[in-house]
């Protein structure tokens, strides 16, 4: 199913780099190394800066990018 934003929930910890997340309602958060996040469905995310962002996602990937 194609959606404008990611509809999978994520529970993750950032190992290195930085990531910014924007929710469908416009709320934005940014995280870096050692920080955790619980991200509900309805978001977009991207890497901030030149360093690759490495994170461990504990939930959400089972349904990610399925047809």
PDB file of N, CA and C in Angstrom:
ATOM      1  N   UNK A   1       0.844  -1.171   0.000  1.00  0.00           N
ATOM      2  CA  UNK A   1       0.000   0.000   0.000  1.00  0.00           C
ATOM      3  C   UNK A   1       0.893   1.239   0.000  1.00  0.00           C
ATOM      4  N   UNK A   2       0.637   2.155  -0.908  1.00  0.00           N
ATOM      5  CA  UNK A   2       1.408   3.394  -0.983  1.00  0.00           C
ATOM      6  C   UNK A   2       0.767   4.454  -0.098  1.00  0.00           C
ATOM      7  N   UNK A   3       1.553   5.047   0.766  1.00  0.00           N
ATOM      8  CA  UNK A   3       1.075   6.118   1.633  1.00  0.00           C
ATOM      9  C   UNK A   3       2.034   7.292   1.541  1.00  0.00           C
ATOM     10  N   UNK A   4       1.567   8.464   1.919  1.00  0.00           N
ATOM     11  CA  UNK A   4       2.409   9.667   1.901  1.00  0.00           C
ATOM     12  C   UNK A   4       3.464   9.634   3.009  1.00  0.00           C
ATOM     13  N   UNK A   5       3.192   8.908   4.090  1.00  0.00           N
ATOM     14  CA  UNK A   5       4.136   8.826   5.201  1.00  0.00           C
ATOM     15  C   UNK A   5       4.226   7.381   5.669  1.00  0.00           C
ATOM     16  N   UNK A   6       5.241   7.090   6.465  1.00  0.00           N
ATOM     17  CA  UNK A   6       5.428   5.736   6.982  1.00  0.00           C
ATOM     18  C   UNK A   6       4.321   5.415   7.980  1.00  0.00           C
ATOM     19  N   UNK A   7       3.677   4.266   7.799  1.00  0.00           N
ATOM     20  CA  UNK A   7       2.583   3.863   8.668  1.00  0.00           C
ATOM     21  C   UNK A   7       2.990   2.744   9.637  1.00  0.00           C
ATOM     22  N   UNK A   8       4.282   2.449   9.706  1.00  0.00           N
ATOM     23  CA  UNK A   8       4.785   1.446  10.651  1.00  0.00           C
ATOM     24  C   UNK A   8       5.240   2.150  11.933  1.00  0.00           C
ATOM     25  N   UNK A   9       4.897   1.597  13.101  1.00  0.00           N
ATOM     26  CA  UNK A   9       5.425   2.155  14.347  1.00  0.00           C
ATOM     27  C   UNK A   9       6.872   1.704  14.525  1.00  0.00           C
ATOM     28  N   UNK A  10       7.667   2.524  15.180  1.00  0.00           N
ATOM     29  CA  UNK A  10       9.077   2.181  15.418  1.00  0.00           C
ATOM     30  C   UNK A  10       9.438   2.441  16.876  1.00  0.00           C
ATOM     31  N   UNK A  11      10.213   1.553  17.440  1.00  0.00           N
ATOM     32  CA  UNK A  11      10.855   1.752  18.735  1.00  0.00           C
ATOM     33  C   UNK A  11      12.330   1.534  18.467  1.00  0.00           C
ATOM     34  N   UNK A  12      13.128   2.587  18.607  1.00  0.00           N
ATOM     35  CA  UNK A  12      14.516   2.478  18.162  1.00  0.00           C
ATOM     36  C   UNK A  12      15.476   3.232  19.067  1.00  0.00           C
ATOM     37  N   UNK A  13      16.753   2.898  18.896  1.00  0.00           N
ATOM     38  CA  UNK A  13      17.844   3.609  19.554  1.00  0.00           C
ATOM     39  C   UNK A  13      18.853   3.988  18.473  1.00  0.00           C
ATOM     40  N   UNK A  14      19.340   5.218  18.536  1.00  0.00           N
ATOM     41  CA  UNK A  14      20.321   5.694  17.562  1.00  0.00           C
ATOM     42  C   UNK A  14      21.720   5.368  18.072  1.00  0.00           C
ATOM     43  N   UNK A  15      22.504   4.720  17.227  1.00  0.00           N
ATOM     44  CA  UNK A  15      23.873   4.333  17.566  1.00  0.00           C
ATOM     45  C   UNK A  15      24.860   5.433  17.162  1.00  0.00           C
ATOM     46  N   UNK A  16      24.686   5.983  15.961  1.00  0.00           N
ATOM     47  CA  UNK A  16      25.561   7.066  15.495  1.00  0.00           C
ATOM     48  C   UNK A  16      24.806   7.916  14.488  1.00  0.00           C
ATOM     49  N   UNK A  17      25.282   9.147  14.293  1.00  0.00           N
ATOM     50  CA  UNK A  17      24.634  10.070  13.378  1.00  0.00           C
ATOM     51  C   UNK A  17      23.413  10.707  14.018  1.00  0.00           C
ATOM     52  N   UNK A  18      22.688  11.480  13.203  1.00  0.00           N
ATOM     53  CA  UNK A  18      21.486  12.169  13.683  1.00  0.00           C
ATOM     54  C   UNK A  18      20.330  11.939  12.720  1.00  0.00           C
ATOM     55  N   UNK A  19      19.123  11.900  13.260  1.00  0.00           N
ATOM     56  CA  UNK A  19      17.919  11.697  12.464  1.00  0.00           C
ATOM     57  C   UNK A  19      16.856  12.701  12.896  1.00  0.00           C
ATOM     58  N   UNK A  20      16.133  13.224  11.922  1.00  0.00           N
ATOM     59  CA  UNK A  20      15.000  14.106  12.206  1.00  0.00           C
ATOM     60  C   UNK A  20      13.729  13.408  11.761  1.00  0.00           C
ATOM     61  N   UNK A  21      12.684  13.526  12.572  1.00  0.00           N
ATOM     62  CA  UNK A  21      11.396  12.889  12.282  1.00  0.00           C
ATOM     63  C   UNK A  21      10.332  13.971  12.268  1.00  0.00           C
ATOM     64  N   UNK A  22       9.484  13.951  11.242  1.00  0.00           N
ATOM     65  CA  UNK A  22       8.341  14.859  11.177  1.00  0.00           C
ATOM     66  C   UNK A  22       7.066  14.022  11.127  1.00  0.00           C
ATOM     67  N   UNK A  23       6.182  14.288  12.085  1.00  0.00           N
ATOM     68  CA  UNK A  23       4.890  13.610  12.136  1.00  0.00           C
ATOM     69  C   UNK A  23       3.936  14.273  11.144  1.00  0.00           C
ATOM     70  N   UNK A  24       2.891  13.562  10.758  1.00  0.00           N
ATOM     71  CA  UNK A  24       1.901  14.103   9.825  1.00  0.00           C
ATOM     72  C   UNK A  24       1.271  15.404  10.335  1.00  0.00           C
ATOM     73  N   UNK A  25       1.213  15.589  11.652  1.00  0.00           N
ATOM     74  CA  UNK A  25       0.628  16.817  12.205  1.00  0.00           C
ATOM     75  C   UNK A  25       1.625  17.976  12.240  1.00  0.00           C
ATOM     76  N   UNK A  26       2.858  17.756  11.740  1.00  0.00           N
ATOM     77  CA  UNK A  26       3.872  18.806  11.689  1.00  0.00           C
ATOM     78  C   UNK A  26       4.852  18.801  12.847  1.00  0.00           C
ATOM     79  N   UNK A  27       4.592  18.026  13.888  1.00  0.00           N
ATOM     80  CA  UNK A  27       5.506  17.919  15.019  1.00  0.00           C
ATOM     81  C   UNK A  27       6.836  17.348  14.542  1.00  0.00           C
ATOM     82  N   UNK A  28       7.959  17.942  14.988  1.00  0.00           N
ATOM     83  CA  UNK A  28       9.285  17.454  14.604  1.00  0.00           C
ATOM     84  C   UNK A  28      10.113  17.150  15.845  1.00  0.00           C
ATOM     85  N   UNK A  29      10.898  16.072  15.766  1.00  0.00           N
ATOM     86  CA  UNK A  29      11.880  15.757  16.797  1.00  0.00           C
ATOM     87  C   UNK A  29      13.184  15.389  16.100  1.00  0.00           C
ATOM     88  N   UNK A  30      14.287  15.554  16.809  1.00  0.00           N
ATOM     89  CA  UNK A  30      15.596  15.176  16.275  1.00  0.00           C
ATOM     90  C   UNK A  30      16.324  14.373  17.341  1.00  0.00           C
ATOM     91  N   UNK A  31      17.020  13.322  16.925  1.00  0.00           N
ATOM     92  CA  UNK A  31      17.725  12.478  17.869  1.00  0.00           C
ATOM     93  C   UNK A  31      19.134  12.184  17.417  1.00  0.00           C
ATOM     94  N   UNK A  32      19.976  11.831  18.392  1.00  0.00           N
ATOM     95  CA  UNK A  32      21.360  11.493  18.121  1.00  0.00           C
ATOM     96  C   UNK A  32      21.803  10.295  18.930  1.00  0.00           C
ATOM     97  N   UNK A  33      23.091   9.996  18.916  1.00  0.00           N
ATOM     98  CA  UNK A  33      23.642   8.795  19.547  1.00  0.00           C
ATOM     99  C   UNK A  33      23.179   8.607  20.998  1.00  0.00           C
ATOM    100  N   UNK A  34      22.714   7.385  21.291  1.00  0.00           N
ATOM    101  CA  UNK A  34      22.291   7.026  22.637  1.00  0.00           C
ATOM    102  C   UNK A  34      20.850   7.380  22.950  1.00  0.00           C
ATOM    103  N   UNK A  35      20.190   8.091  22.051  1.00  0.00           N
ATOM    104  CA  UNK A  35      18.807   8.474  22.316  1.00  0.00           C
ATOM    105  C   UNK A  35      17.846   7.427  21.761  1.00  0.00           C
ATOM    106  N   UNK A  36      16.733   7.274  22.451  1.00  0.00           N
ATOM    107  CA  UNK A  36      15.707   6.321  22.030  1.00  0.00           C
ATOM    108  C   UNK A  36      14.473   7.081  21.581  1.00  0.00           C
ATOM    109  N   UNK A  37      13.641   6.401  20.805  1.00  0.00           N
ATOM    110  CA  UNK A  37      12.402   7.018  20.342  1.00  0.00           C
ATOM    111  C   UNK A  37      11.333   5.968  20.133  1.00  0.00           C
ATOM    112  N   UNK A  38      10.107   6.330  20.459  1.00  0.00           N
ATOM    113  CA  UNK A  38       8.931   5.551  20.108  1.00  0.00           C
ATOM    114  C   UNK A  38       8.180   6.424  19.106  1.00  0.00           C
ATOM    115  N   UNK A  39       8.154   5.980  17.850  1.00  0.00           N
ATOM    116  CA  UNK A  39       7.598   6.780  16.760  1.00  0.00           C
ATOM    117  C   UNK A  39       6.325   6.093  16.262  1.00  0.00           C
ATOM    118  N   UNK A  40       5.181   6.741  16.425  1.00  0.00           N
ATOM    119  CA  UNK A  40       3.927   6.132  15.965  1.00  0.00           C
ATOM    120  C   UNK A  40       3.789   6.216  14.447  1.00  0.00           C
ATOM    121  N   UNK A  41       2.817   5.518  13.879  1.00  0.00           N
ATOM    122  CA  UNK A  41       2.554   5.620  12.445  1.00  0.00           C
ATOM    123  C   UNK A  41       2.258   7.069  12.045  1.00  0.00           C
ATOM    124  N   UNK A  42       2.565   7.386  10.788  1.00  0.00           N
ATOM    125  CA  UNK A  42       2.286   8.721  10.270  1.00  0.00           C
ATOM    126  C   UNK A  42       3.466   9.663  10.405  1.00  0.00           C
ATOM    127  N   UNK A  43       4.617   9.264   9.852  1.00  0.00           N
ATOM    128  CA  UNK A  43       5.820  10.079   9.983  1.00  0.00           C
ATOM    129  C   UNK A  43       6.714   9.953   8.741  1.00  0.00           C
ATOM    130  N   UNK A  44       7.659  10.859   8.653  1.00  0.00           N
ATOM    131  CA  UNK A  44       8.738  10.800   7.670  1.00  0.00           C
ATOM    132  C   UNK A  44      10.019  11.052   8.455  1.00  0.00           C
ATOM    133  N   UNK A  45      11.146  10.546   7.974  1.00  0.00           N
ATOM    134  CA  UNK A  45      12.411  10.723   8.691  1.00  0.00           C
ATOM    135  C   UNK A  45      13.541  10.841   7.699  1.00  0.00           C
ATOM    136  N   UNK A  46      14.601  11.563   8.109  1.00  0.00           N
ATOM    137  CA  UNK A  46      15.769  11.713   7.251  1.00  0.00           C
ATOM    138  C   UNK A  46      17.007  11.959   8.110  1.00  0.00           C
ATOM    139  N   UNK A  47      18.152  11.727   7.507  1.00  0.00           N
ATOM    140  CA  UNK A  47      19.444  11.915   8.166  1.00  0.00           C
ATOM    141  C   UNK A  47      19.776  13.401   8.196  1.00  0.00           C
ATOM    142  N   UNK A  48      20.289  13.869   9.333  1.00  0.00           N
ATOM    143  CA  UNK A  48      20.729  15.249   9.489  1.00  0.00           C
ATOM    144  C   UNK A  48      22.256  15.260   9.464  1.00  0.00           C
ATOM    145  N   UNK A  49      22.846  16.066   8.611  1.00  0.00           N
ATOM    146  CA  UNK A  49      24.300  16.165   8.524  1.00  0.00           C
ATOM    147  C   UNK A  49      24.898  15.177   7.546  1.00  0.00           C
ATOM    148  N   UNK A  50      26.218  15.093   7.560  1.00  0.00           N
ATOM    149  CA  UNK A  50      26.948  14.264   6.604  1.00  0.00           C
ATOM    150  C   UNK A  50      27.235  12.846   7.104  1.00  0.00           C
ATOM    151  N   UNK A  51      27.131  12.627   8.404  1.00  0.00           N
ATOM    152  CA  UNK A  51      27.424  11.298   8.958  1.00  0.00           C
ATOM    153  C   UNK A  51      26.214  10.374   8.770  1.00  0.00           C
ATOM    154  N   UNK A  52      26.432   9.146   8.301  1.00  0.00           N
ATOM    155  CA  UNK A  52      25.309   8.194   8.195  1.00  0.00           C
ATOM    156  C   UNK A  52      24.675   7.974   9.567  1.00  0.00           C
ATOM    157  N   UNK A  53      23.377   7.798   9.577  1.00  0.00           N
ATOM    158  CA  UNK A  53      22.660   7.510  10.822  1.00  0.00           C
ATOM    159  C   UNK A  53      22.468   6.000  10.919  1.00  0.00           C
ATOM    160  N   UNK A  54      22.953   5.434  12.022  1.00  0.00           N
ATOM    161  CA  UNK A  54      22.784   4.010  12.280  1.00  0.00           C
ATOM    162  C   UNK A  54      21.889   3.881  13.505  1.00  0.00           C
ATOM    163  N   UNK A  55      20.780   3.166  13.341  1.00  0.00           N
ATOM    164  CA  UNK A  55      19.879   2.952  14.471  1.00  0.00           C
ATOM    165  C   UNK A  55      19.432   1.494  14.494  1.00  0.00           C
ATOM    166  N   UNK A  56      19.034   1.063  15.668  1.00  0.00           N
ATOM    167  CA  UNK A  56      18.471  -0.276  15.835  1.00  0.00           C
ATOM    168  C   UNK A  56      16.978  -0.096  16.067  1.00  0.00           C
ATOM    169  N   UNK A  57      16.192  -0.720  15.203  1.00  0.00           N
ATOM    170  CA  UNK A  57      14.734  -0.618  15.276  1.00  0.00           C
ATOM    171  C   UNK A  57      14.200  -1.930  15.847  1.00  0.00           C
ATOM    172  N   UNK A  58      13.562  -1.845  17.011  1.00  0.00           N
ATOM    173  CA  UNK A  58      13.077  -3.041  17.681  1.00  0.00           C
ATOM    174  C   UNK A  58      11.665  -3.437  17.274  1.00  0.00           C
ATOM    175  N   UNK A  59      10.907  -2.510  16.705  1.00  0.00           N
ATOM    176  CA  UNK A  59       9.543  -2.798  16.263  1.00  0.00           C
ATOM    177  C   UNK A  59       9.281  -2.113  14.933  1.00  0.00           C
ATOM    178  N   UNK A  60       8.255  -2.571  14.238  1.00  0.00           N
ATOM    179  CA  UNK A  60       7.812  -1.889  13.033  1.00  0.00           C
ATOM    180  C   UNK A  60       8.326  -2.457  11.741  1.00  0.00           C
ATOM    181  N   UNK A  61       9.451  -3.106  11.742  1.00  0.00           N
ATOM    182  CA  UNK A  61      10.039  -3.556  10.482  1.00  0.00           C
ATOM    183  C   UNK A  61       9.336  -4.777   9.897  1.00  0.00           C
ATOM    184  N   UNK A  62       8.557  -5.494  10.676  1.00  0.00           N
ATOM    185  CA  UNK A  62       7.835  -6.647  10.157  1.00  0.00           C
ATOM    186  C   UNK A  62       6.796  -6.265   9.106  1.00  0.00           C
ATOM    187  N   UNK A  63       6.304  -5.027   9.192  1.00  0.00           N
ATOM    188  CA  UNK A  63       5.287  -4.560   8.241  1.00  0.00           C
ATOM    189  C   UNK A  63       5.826  -3.508   7.275  1.00  0.00           C
ATOM    190  N   UNK A  64       7.082  -3.162   7.397  1.00  0.00           N
ATOM    191  CA  UNK A  64       7.652  -2.103   6.574  1.00  0.00           C
ATOM    192  C   UNK A  64       7.732  -2.500   5.107  1.00  0.00           C
ATOM    193  N   UNK A  65       7.262  -1.627   4.230  1.00  0.00           N
ATOM    194  CA  UNK A  65       7.365  -1.773   2.781  1.00  0.00           C
ATOM    195  C   UNK A  65       6.682  -3.021   2.217  1.00  0.00           C
ATOM    196  N   UNK A  66       5.645  -3.499   2.899  1.00  0.00           N
ATOM    197  CA  UNK A  66       4.867  -4.612   2.362  1.00  0.00           C
ATOM    198  C   UNK A  66       3.832  -4.081   1.390  1.00  0.00           C
ATOM    199  N   UNK A  67       3.491  -4.902   0.417  1.00  0.00           N
ATOM    200  CA  UNK A  67       2.436  -4.518  -0.544  1.00  0.00           C
ATOM    201  C   UNK A  67       1.091  -4.620   0.106  1.00  0.00           C
TER     202      UNK A  67
END
